[in-house]
Structures are given as C-alpha cells and as structure tokens.
mmCIF file of all heavy atoms, coordinates in Angstrom:
data_MODEL
# 
_entry.id   MODEL 
# 
loop_
_atom_site.group_PDB 
_atom_site.id 
_atom_site.type_symbol 
_atom_site.label_atom_id 
_atom_site.label_alt_id 
_atom_site.label_comp_id 
_atom_site.label_asym_id 
_atom_site.label_entity_id 
_atom_site.label_seq_id 
_atom_site.pdbx_PDB_ins_code 
_atom_site.Cartn_x 
_atom_site.Cartn_y 
_atom_site.Cartn_z 
_atom_site.occupancy 
_atom_site.B_iso_or_equiv 
_atom_site.pdbx_formal_charge 
_atom_site.auth_seq_id 
_atom_site.auth_comp_id 
_atom_site.auth_asym_id 
_atom_site.auth_atom_id 
_atom_site.pdbx_PDB_model_num 
ATOM 1   N N   . ALA A 1 1  ? 47.135 36.265 0.478   1.00 0.00 ? 1  ALA A N   1 
ATOM 2   C CA  . ALA A 1 1  ? 46.527 36.075 -0.842  1.00 0.00 ? 1  ALA A CA  1 
ATOM 3   C C   . ALA A 1 1  ? 46.189 37.417 -1.486  1.00 0.00 ? 1  ALA A C   1 
ATOM 4   O O   . ALA A 1 1  ? 46.351 37.588 -2.699  1.00 0.00 ? 1  ALA A O   1 
ATOM 5   C CB  . ALA A 1 1  ? 45.277 35.207 -0.718  1.00 0.00 ? 1  ALA A CB  1 
ATOM 6   N N   . THR A 1 2  ? 45.707 38.369 -0.690  1.00 0.00 ? 2  THR A N   1 
ATOM 7   C CA  . THR A 1 2  ? 45.363 39.695 -1.220  1.00 0.00 ? 2  THR A CA  1 
ATOM 8   C C   . THR A 1 2  ? 46.607 40.417 -1.719  1.00 0.00 ? 2  THR A C   1 
ATOM 9   O O   . THR A 1 2  ? 46.605 41.022 -2.802  1.00 0.00 ? 2  THR A O   1 
ATOM 10  C CB  . THR A 1 2  ? 44.654 40.526 -0.145  1.00 0.00 ? 2  THR A CB  1 
ATOM 11  O OG1 . THR A 1 2  ? 43.488 39.836 0.315   1.00 0.00 ? 2  THR A OG1 1 
ATOM 12  C CG2 . THR A 1 2  ? 44.238 41.885 -0.691  1.00 0.00 ? 2  THR A CG2 1 
ATOM 13  N N   . VAL A 1 3  ? 47.682 40.363 -0.932  1.00 0.00 ? 3  VAL A N   1 
ATOM 14  C CA  . VAL A 1 3  ? 48.944 40.990 -1.353  1.00 0.00 ? 3  VAL A CA  1 
ATOM 15  C C   . VAL A 1 3  ? 49.488 40.292 -2.600  1.00 0.00 ? 3  VAL A C   1 
ATOM 16  O O   . VAL A 1 3  ? 49.984 40.943 -3.531  1.00 0.00 ? 3  VAL A O   1 
ATOM 17  C CB  . VAL A 1 3  ? 49.971 40.949 -0.206  1.00 0.00 ? 3  VAL A CB  1 
ATOM 18  C CG1 . VAL A 1 3  ? 51.334 41.454 -0.676  1.00 0.00 ? 3  VAL A CG1 1 
ATOM 19  C CG2 . VAL A 1 3  ? 49.482 41.787 0.976   1.00 0.00 ? 3  VAL A CG2 1 
ATOM 20  N N   . ALA A 1 4  ? 49.391 38.959 -2.630  1.00 0.00 ? 4  ALA A N   1 
ATOM 21  C CA  . ALA A 1 4  ? 49.857 38.204 -3.809  1.00 0.00 ? 4  ALA A CA  1 
ATOM 22  C C   . ALA A 1 4  ? 49.053 38.587 -5.051  1.00 0.00 ? 4  ALA A C   1 
ATOM 23  O O   . ALA A 1 4  ? 49.610 38.696 -6.150  1.00 0.00 ? 4  ALA A O   1 
ATOM 24  C CB  . ALA A 1 4  ? 49.748 36.703 -3.544  1.00 0.00 ? 4  ALA A CB  1 
ATOM 25  N N   . ASP A 1 5  ? 47.738 38.783 -4.879  1.00 0.00 ? 5  ASP A N   1 
ATOM 26  C CA  . ASP A 1 5  ? 46.910 39.229 -6.011  1.00 0.00 ? 5  ASP A CA  1 
ATOM 27  C C   . ASP A 1 5  ? 47.446 40.528 -6.601  1.00 0.00 ? 5  ASP A C   1 
ATOM 28  O O   . ASP A 1 5  ? 47.534 40.687 -7.824  1.00 0.00 ? 5  ASP A O   1 
ATOM 29  C CB  . ASP A 1 5  ? 45.464 39.437 -5.544  1.00 0.00 ? 5  ASP A CB  1 
ATOM 30  C CG  . ASP A 1 5  ? 44.660 38.147 -5.546  1.00 0.00 ? 5  ASP A CG  1 
ATOM 31  O OD1 . ASP A 1 5  ? 45.078 37.194 -6.223  1.00 0.00 ? 5  ASP A OD1 1 
ATOM 32  O OD2 . ASP A 1 5  ? 43.624 38.101 -4.874  1.00 0.00 ? 5  ASP A OD2 1 
ATOM 33  N N   . LEU A 1 6  ? 47.769 41.471 -5.716  1.00 0.00 ? 6  LEU A N   1 
ATOM 34  C CA  . LEU A 1 6  ? 48.272 42.772 -6.181  1.00 0.00 ? 6  LEU A CA  1 
ATOM 35  C C   . LEU A 1 6  ? 49.603 42.610 -6.901  1.00 0.00 ? 6  LEU A C   1 
ATOM 36  O O   . LEU A 1 6  ? 49.829 43.218 -7.961  1.00 0.00 ? 6  LEU A O   1 
ATOM 37  C CB  . LEU A 1 6  ? 48.427 43.715 -4.986  1.00 0.00 ? 6  LEU A CB  1 
ATOM 38  C CG  . LEU A 1 6  ? 47.135 44.259 -4.375  1.00 0.00 ? 6  LEU A CG  1 
ATOM 39  C CD1 . LEU A 1 6  ? 47.428 44.979 -3.064  1.00 0.00 ? 6  LEU A CD1 1 
ATOM 40  C CD2 . LEU A 1 6  ? 46.437 45.208 -5.339  1.00 0.00 ? 6  LEU A CD2 1 
ATOM 41  N N   . TRP A 1 7  ? 50.496 41.809 -6.334  1.00 0.00 ? 7  TRP A N   1 
ATOM 42  C CA  . TRP A 1 7  ? 51.816 41.602 -6.939  1.00 0.00 ? 7  TRP A CA  1 
ATOM 43  C C   . TRP A 1 7  ? 51.693 40.929 -8.309  1.00 0.00 ? 7  TRP A C   1 
ATOM 44  O O   . TRP A 1 7  ? 52.277 41.375 -9.299  1.00 0.00 ? 7  TRP A O   1 
ATOM 45  C CB  . TRP A 1 7  ? 52.674 40.754 -6.007  1.00 0.00 ? 7  TRP A CB  1 
ATOM 46  C CG  . TRP A 1 7  ? 54.026 40.425 -6.569  1.00 0.00 ? 7  TRP A CG  1 
ATOM 47  C CD1 . TRP A 1 7  ? 54.356 39.376 -7.393  1.00 0.00 ? 7  TRP A CD1 1 
ATOM 48  C CD2 . TRP A 1 7  ? 55.243 41.156 -6.367  1.00 0.00 ? 7  TRP A CD2 1 
ATOM 49  N NE1 . TRP A 1 7  ? 55.682 39.406 -7.710  1.00 0.00 ? 7  TRP A NE1 1 
ATOM 50  C CE2 . TRP A 1 7  ? 56.266 40.489 -7.091  1.00 0.00 ? 7  TRP A CE2 1 
ATOM 51  C CE3 . TRP A 1 7  ? 55.575 42.301 -5.645  1.00 0.00 ? 7  TRP A CE3 1 
ATOM 52  C CZ2 . TRP A 1 7  ? 57.578 40.931 -7.101  1.00 0.00 ? 7  TRP A CZ2 1 
ATOM 53  C CZ3 . TRP A 1 7  ? 56.890 42.737 -5.654  1.00 0.00 ? 7  TRP A CZ3 1 
ATOM 54  C CH2 . TRP A 1 7  ? 57.871 42.064 -6.378  1.00 0.00 ? 7  TRP A CH2 1 
ATOM 55  N N   . LEU A 1 8  ? 50.906 39.838 -8.367  1.00 0.00 ? 8  LEU A N   1 
ATOM 56  C CA  . LEU A 1 8  ? 50.792 39.058 -9.600  1.00 0.00 ? 8  LEU A CA  1 
ATOM 57  C C   . LEU A 1 8  ? 50.056 39.806 -10.703 1.00 0.00 ? 8  LEU A C   1 
ATOM 58  O O   . LEU A 1 8  ? 50.255 39.509 -11.886 1.00 0.00 ? 8  LEU A O   1 
ATOM 59  C CB  . LEU A 1 8  ? 50.070 37.738 -9.311  1.00 0.00 ? 8  LEU A CB  1 
ATOM 60  C CG  . LEU A 1 8  ? 50.818 36.736 -8.435  1.00 0.00 ? 8  LEU A CG  1 
ATOM 61  C CD1 . LEU A 1 8  ? 49.900 35.603 -8.024  1.00 0.00 ? 8  LEU A CD1 1 
ATOM 62  C CD2 . LEU A 1 8  ? 52.041 36.195 -9.162  1.00 0.00 ? 8  LEU A CD2 1 
ATOM 63  N N   . GLN A 1 9  ? 49.224 40.763 -10.327 1.00 0.00 ? 9  GLN A N   1 
ATOM 64  C CA  . GLN A 1 9  ? 48.471 41.501 -11.339 1.00 0.00 ? 9  GLN A CA  1 
ATOM 65  C C   . GLN A 1 9  ? 49.395 42.288 -12.261 1.00 0.00 ? 9  GLN A C   1 
ATOM 66  O O   . GLN A 1 9  ? 49.054 42.545 -13.418 1.00 0.00 ? 9  GLN A O   1 
ATOM 67  C CB  . GLN A 1 9  ? 47.467 42.451 -10.661 1.00 0.00 ? 9  GLN A CB  1 
ATOM 68  C CG  . GLN A 1 9  ? 46.506 43.134 -11.612 1.00 0.00 ? 9  GLN A CG  1 
ATOM 69  C CD  . GLN A 1 9  ? 45.496 42.189 -12.245 1.00 0.00 ? 9  GLN A CD  1 
ATOM 70  O OE1 . GLN A 1 9  ? 45.435 41.013 -11.907 1.00 0.00 ? 9  GLN A OE1 1 
ATOM 71  N NE2 . GLN A 1 9  ? 44.700 42.704 -13.163 1.00 0.00 ? 9  GLN A NE2 1 
ATOM 72  N N   . VAL A 1 10 ? 50.594 42.637 -11.771 1.00 0.00 ? 10 VAL A N   1 
ATOM 73  C CA  . VAL A 1 10 ? 51.527 43.407 -12.595 1.00 0.00 ? 10 VAL A CA  1 
ATOM 74  C C   . VAL A 1 10 ? 52.017 42.573 -13.782 1.00 0.00 ? 10 VAL A C   1 
ATOM 75  O O   . VAL A 1 10 ? 51.825 42.964 -14.943 1.00 0.00 ? 10 VAL A O   1 
ATOM 76  C CB  . VAL A 1 10 ? 52.702 43.939 -11.752 1.00 0.00 ? 10 VAL A CB  1 
ATOM 77  C CG1 . VAL A 1 10 ? 53.674 44.719 -12.636 1.00 0.00 ? 10 VAL A CG1 1 
ATOM 78  C CG2 . VAL A 1 10 ? 52.200 44.821 -10.619 1.00 0.00 ? 10 VAL A CG2 1 
ATOM 79  N N   . PRO A 1 11 ? 52.649 41.400 -13.556 1.00 0.00 ? 11 PRO A N   1 
ATOM 80  C CA  . PRO A 1 11 ? 53.066 40.617 -14.727 1.00 0.00 ? 11 PRO A CA  1 
ATOM 81  C C   . PRO A 1 11 ? 51.893 39.992 -15.479 1.00 0.00 ? 11 PRO A C   1 
ATOM 82  O O   . PRO A 1 11 ? 52.004 39.727 -16.681 1.00 0.00 ? 11 PRO A O   1 
ATOM 83  C CB  . PRO A 1 11 ? 53.969 39.531 -14.116 1.00 0.00 ? 11 PRO A CB  1 
ATOM 84  C CG  . PRO A 1 11 ? 53.530 39.401 -12.700 1.00 0.00 ? 11 PRO A CG  1 
ATOM 85  C CD  . PRO A 1 11 ? 53.110 40.787 -12.292 1.00 0.00 ? 11 PRO A CD  1 
ATOM 86  N N   . TYR A 1 12 ? 50.769 39.756 -14.803 1.00 0.00 ? 12 TYR A N   1 
ATOM 87  C CA  . TYR A 1 12 ? 49.611 39.171 -15.477 1.00 0.00 ? 12 TYR A CA  1 
ATOM 88  C C   . TYR A 1 12 ? 49.063 40.121 -16.541 1.00 0.00 ? 12 TYR A C   1 
ATOM 89  O O   . TYR A 1 12 ? 48.695 39.693 -17.639 1.00 0.00 ? 12 TYR A O   1 
ATOM 90  C CB  . TYR A 1 12 ? 48.534 38.850 -14.446 1.00 0.00 ? 12 TYR A CB  1 
ATOM 91  C CG  . TYR A 1 12 ? 47.253 38.293 -15.040 1.00 0.00 ? 12 TYR A CG  1 
ATOM 92  C CD1 . TYR A 1 12 ? 47.240 37.053 -15.689 1.00 0.00 ? 12 TYR A CD1 1 
ATOM 93  C CD2 . TYR A 1 12 ? 46.058 38.992 -14.958 1.00 0.00 ? 12 TYR A CD2 1 
ATOM 94  C CE1 . TYR A 1 12 ? 46.071 36.542 -16.241 1.00 0.00 ? 12 TYR A CE1 1 
ATOM 95  C CE2 . TYR A 1 12 ? 44.888 38.480 -15.502 1.00 0.00 ? 12 TYR A CE2 1 
ATOM 96  C CZ  . TYR A 1 12 ? 44.898 37.261 -16.134 1.00 0.00 ? 12 TYR A CZ  1 
ATOM 97  O OH  . TYR A 1 12 ? 43.739 36.755 -16.676 1.00 0.00 ? 12 TYR A OH  1 
ATOM 98  N N   . THR A 1 13 ? 49.005 41.401 -16.235 1.00 0.00 ? 13 THR A N   1 
ATOM 99  C CA  . THR A 1 13 ? 48.470 42.363 -17.199 1.00 0.00 ? 13 THR A CA  1 
ATOM 100 C C   . THR A 1 13 ? 49.529 42.896 -18.157 1.00 0.00 ? 13 THR A C   1 
ATOM 101 O O   . THR A 1 13 ? 49.250 43.121 -19.334 1.00 0.00 ? 13 THR A O   1 
ATOM 102 C CB  . THR A 1 13 ? 47.813 43.547 -16.467 1.00 0.00 ? 13 THR A CB  1 
ATOM 103 O OG1 . THR A 1 13 ? 48.753 44.120 -15.545 1.00 0.00 ? 13 THR A OG1 1 
ATOM 104 C CG2 . THR A 1 13 ? 46.579 43.096 -15.710 1.00 0.00 ? 13 THR A CG2 1 
ATOM 105 N N   . ALA A 1 14 ? 50.761 43.104 -17.660 1.00 0.00 ? 14 ALA A N   1 
ATOM 106 C CA  . ALA A 1 14 ? 51.803 43.710 -18.495 1.00 0.00 ? 14 ALA A CA  1 
ATOM 107 C C   . ALA A 1 14 ? 52.627 42.675 -19.241 1.00 0.00 ? 14 ALA A C   1 
ATOM 108 O O   . ALA A 1 14 ? 53.325 43.013 -20.197 1.00 0.00 ? 14 ALA A O   1 
ATOM 109 C CB  . ALA A 1 14 ? 52.725 44.581 -17.640 1.00 0.00 ? 14 ALA A CB  1 
ATOM 110 N N   . GLY A 1 15 ? 52.541 41.396 -18.841 1.00 0.00 ? 15 GLY A N   1 
ATOM 111 C CA  . GLY A 1 15 ? 53.369 40.366 -19.434 1.00 0.00 ? 15 GLY A CA  1 
ATOM 112 C C   . GLY A 1 15 ? 54.655 40.206 -18.644 1.00 0.00 ? 15 GLY A C   1 
ATOM 113 O O   . GLY A 1 15 ? 55.131 41.146 -18.003 1.00 0.00 ? 15 GLY A O   1 
ATOM 114 N N   . GLY A 1 16 ? 55.213 39.012 -18.676 1.00 0.00 ? 16 GLY A N   1 
ATOM 115 C CA  . GLY A 1 16 ? 56.460 38.764 -17.972 1.00 0.00 ? 16 GLY A CA  1 
ATOM 116 C C   . GLY A 1 16 ? 56.330 37.684 -16.921 1.00 0.00 ? 16 GLY A C   1 
ATOM 117 O O   . GLY A 1 16 ? 55.276 37.063 -16.758 1.00 0.00 ? 16 GLY A O   1 
ATOM 118 N N   . GLY A 1 17 ? 57.435 37.452 -16.195 1.00 0.00 ? 17 GLY A N   1 
ATOM 119 C CA  . GLY A 1 17 ? 57.491 36.407 -15.184 1.00 0.00 ? 17 GLY A CA  1 
ATOM 120 C C   . GLY A 1 17 ? 57.079 36.900 -13.817 1.00 0.00 ? 17 GLY A C   1 
ATOM 121 O O   . GLY A 1 17 ? 56.719 38.065 -13.623 1.00 0.00 ? 17 GLY A O   1 
ATOM 122 N N   . LEU A 1 18 ? 57.204 35.996 -12.833 1.00 0.00 ? 18 LEU A N   1 
ATOM 123 C CA  . LEU A 1 18 ? 56.755 36.292 -11.470 1.00 0.00 ? 18 LEU A CA  1 
ATOM 124 C C   . LEU A 1 18 ? 57.425 37.517 -10.877 1.00 0.00 ? 18 LEU A C   1 
ATOM 125 O O   . LEU A 1 18 ? 56.810 38.248 -10.101 1.00 0.00 ? 18 LEU A O   1 
ATOM 126 C CB  . LEU A 1 18 ? 57.025 35.074 -10.569 1.00 0.00 ? 18 LEU A CB  1 
ATOM 127 C CG  . LEU A 1 18 ? 56.093 33.872 -10.721 1.00 0.00 ? 18 LEU A CG  1 
ATOM 128 C CD1 . LEU A 1 18 ? 56.600 32.713 -9.894  1.00 0.00 ? 18 LEU A CD1 1 
ATOM 129 C CD2 . LEU A 1 18 ? 54.679 34.247 -10.292 1.00 0.00 ? 18 LEU A CD2 1 
ATOM 130 N N   . PHE A 1 19 ? 58.682 37.738 -11.216 1.00 0.00 ? 19 PHE A N   1 
ATOM 131 C CA  . PHE A 1 19 ? 59.434 38.829 -10.589 1.00 0.00 ? 19 PHE A CA  1 
ATOM 132 C C   . PHE A 1 19 ? 59.662 40.015 -11.534 1.00 0.00 ? 19 PHE A C   1 
ATOM 133 O O   . PHE A 1 19 ? 60.473 40.887 -11.243 1.00 0.00 ? 19 PHE A O   1 
ATOM 134 C CB  . PHE A 1 19 ? 60.774 38.296 -10.067 1.00 0.00 ? 19 PHE A CB  1 
ATOM 135 C CG  . PHE A 1 19 ? 60.610 37.175 -9.071  1.00 0.00 ? 19 PHE A CG  1 
ATOM 136 C CD1 . PHE A 1 19 ? 60.825 35.868 -9.439  1.00 0.00 ? 19 PHE A CD1 1 
ATOM 137 C CD2 . PHE A 1 19 ? 60.201 37.452 -7.776  1.00 0.00 ? 19 PHE A CD2 1 
ATOM 138 C CE1 . PHE A 1 19 ? 60.651 34.831 -8.531  1.00 0.00 ? 19 PHE A CE1 1 
ATOM 139 C CE2 . PHE A 1 19 ? 60.021 36.424 -6.860  1.00 0.00 ? 19 PHE A CE2 1 
ATOM 140 C CZ  . PHE A 1 19 ? 60.254 35.111 -7.236  1.00 0.00 ? 19 PHE A CZ  1 
ATOM 141 N N   . ASP A 1 20 ? 58.936 40.017 -12.654 1.00 0.00 ? 20 ASP A N   1 
ATOM 142 C CA  . ASP A 1 20 ? 59.014 41.161 -13.564 1.00 0.00 ? 20 ASP A CA  1 
ATOM 143 C C   . ASP A 1 20 ? 58.039 42.238 -13.099 1.00 0.00 ? 20 ASP A C   1 
ATOM 144 O O   . ASP A 1 20 ? 57.059 42.573 -13.770 1.00 0.00 ? 20 ASP A O   1 
ATOM 145 C CB  . ASP A 1 20 ? 58.694 40.722 -14.995 1.00 0.00 ? 20 ASP A CB  1 
ATOM 146 C CG  . ASP A 1 20 ? 59.747 39.801 -15.566 1.00 0.00 ? 20 ASP A CG  1 
ATOM 147 O OD1 . ASP A 1 20 ? 60.910 39.926 -15.144 1.00 0.00 ? 20 ASP A OD1 1 
ATOM 148 O OD2 . ASP A 1 20 ? 59.423 38.951 -16.411 1.00 0.00 ? 20 ASP A OD2 1 
ATOM 149 N N   . VAL A 1 21 ? 58.327 42.788 -11.924 1.00 0.00 ? 21 VAL A N   1 
ATOM 150 C CA  . VAL A 1 21 ? 57.456 43.795 -11.306 1.00 0.00 ? 21 VAL A CA  1 
ATOM 151 C C   . VAL A 1 21 ? 58.265 45.066 -11.087 1.00 0.00 ? 21 VAL A C   1 
ATOM 152 O O   . VAL A 1 21 ? 59.299 45.042 -10.416 1.00 0.00 ? 21 VAL A O   1 
ATOM 153 C CB  . VAL A 1 21 ? 56.884 43.295 -9.962  1.00 0.00 ? 21 VAL A CB  1 
ATOM 154 C CG1 . VAL A 1 21 ? 56.040 44.374 -9.296  1.00 0.00 ? 21 VAL A CG1 1 
ATOM 155 C CG2 . VAL A 1 21 ? 56.054 42.031 -10.177 1.00 0.00 ? 21 VAL A CG2 1 
ATOM 156 N N   . THR A 1 22 ? 57.808 46.152 -11.666 1.00 0.00 ? 22 THR A N   1 
ATOM 157 C CA  . THR A 1 22 ? 58.472 47.443 -11.511 1.00 0.00 ? 22 THR A CA  1 
ATOM 158 C C   . THR A 1 22 ? 57.621 48.363 -10.646 1.00 0.00 ? 22 THR A C   1 
ATOM 159 O O   . THR A 1 22 ? 56.424 48.122 -10.448 1.00 0.00 ? 22 THR A O   1 
ATOM 160 C CB  . THR A 1 22 ? 58.698 48.098 -12.884 1.00 0.00 ? 22 THR A CB  1 
ATOM 161 O OG1 . THR A 1 22 ? 57.412 48.356 -13.488 1.00 0.00 ? 22 THR A OG1 1 
ATOM 162 C CG2 . THR A 1 22 ? 59.498 47.184 -13.799 1.00 0.00 ? 22 THR A CG2 1 
ATOM 163 N N   . GLY A 1 23 ? 58.254 49.411 -10.151 1.00 0.00 ? 23 GLY A N   1 
ATOM 164 C CA  . GLY A 1 23 ? 57.513 50.384 -9.352  1.00 0.00 ? 23 GLY A CA  1 
ATOM 165 C C   . GLY A 1 23 ? 56.399 51.036 -10.146 1.00 0.00 ? 23 GLY A C   1 
ATOM 166 O O   . GLY A 1 23 ? 55.293 51.242 -9.644  1.00 0.00 ? 23 GLY A O   1 
ATOM 167 N N   . ALA A 1 24 ? 56.679 51.339 -11.420 1.00 0.00 ? 24 ALA A N   1 
ATOM 168 C CA  . ALA A 1 24 ? 55.651 51.964 -12.261 1.00 0.00 ? 24 ALA A CA  1 
ATOM 169 C C   . ALA A 1 24 ? 54.495 51.004 -12.509 1.00 0.00 ? 24 ALA A C   1 
ATOM 170 O O   . ALA A 1 24 ? 53.320 51.397 -12.459 1.00 0.00 ? 24 ALA A O   1 
ATOM 171 C CB  . ALA A 1 24 ? 56.267 52.409 -13.588 1.00 0.00 ? 24 ALA A CB  1 
# 
C-alpha cells in the first residue's frame, strides 16, 4: 500500500492514468 501510494501520487498530482508515470 505504501509503494502504491508513491506510484499513484504521480498521476494523481500531475494528471493522467494509472501508468502515466515518468522518472521525473
């Protein structure tokens, strides 16, 4: 759950879908 929180925070704050996660 903690790792998922970190992953999901990227599209949650920047916008986009579940896998719209970039290194930056």
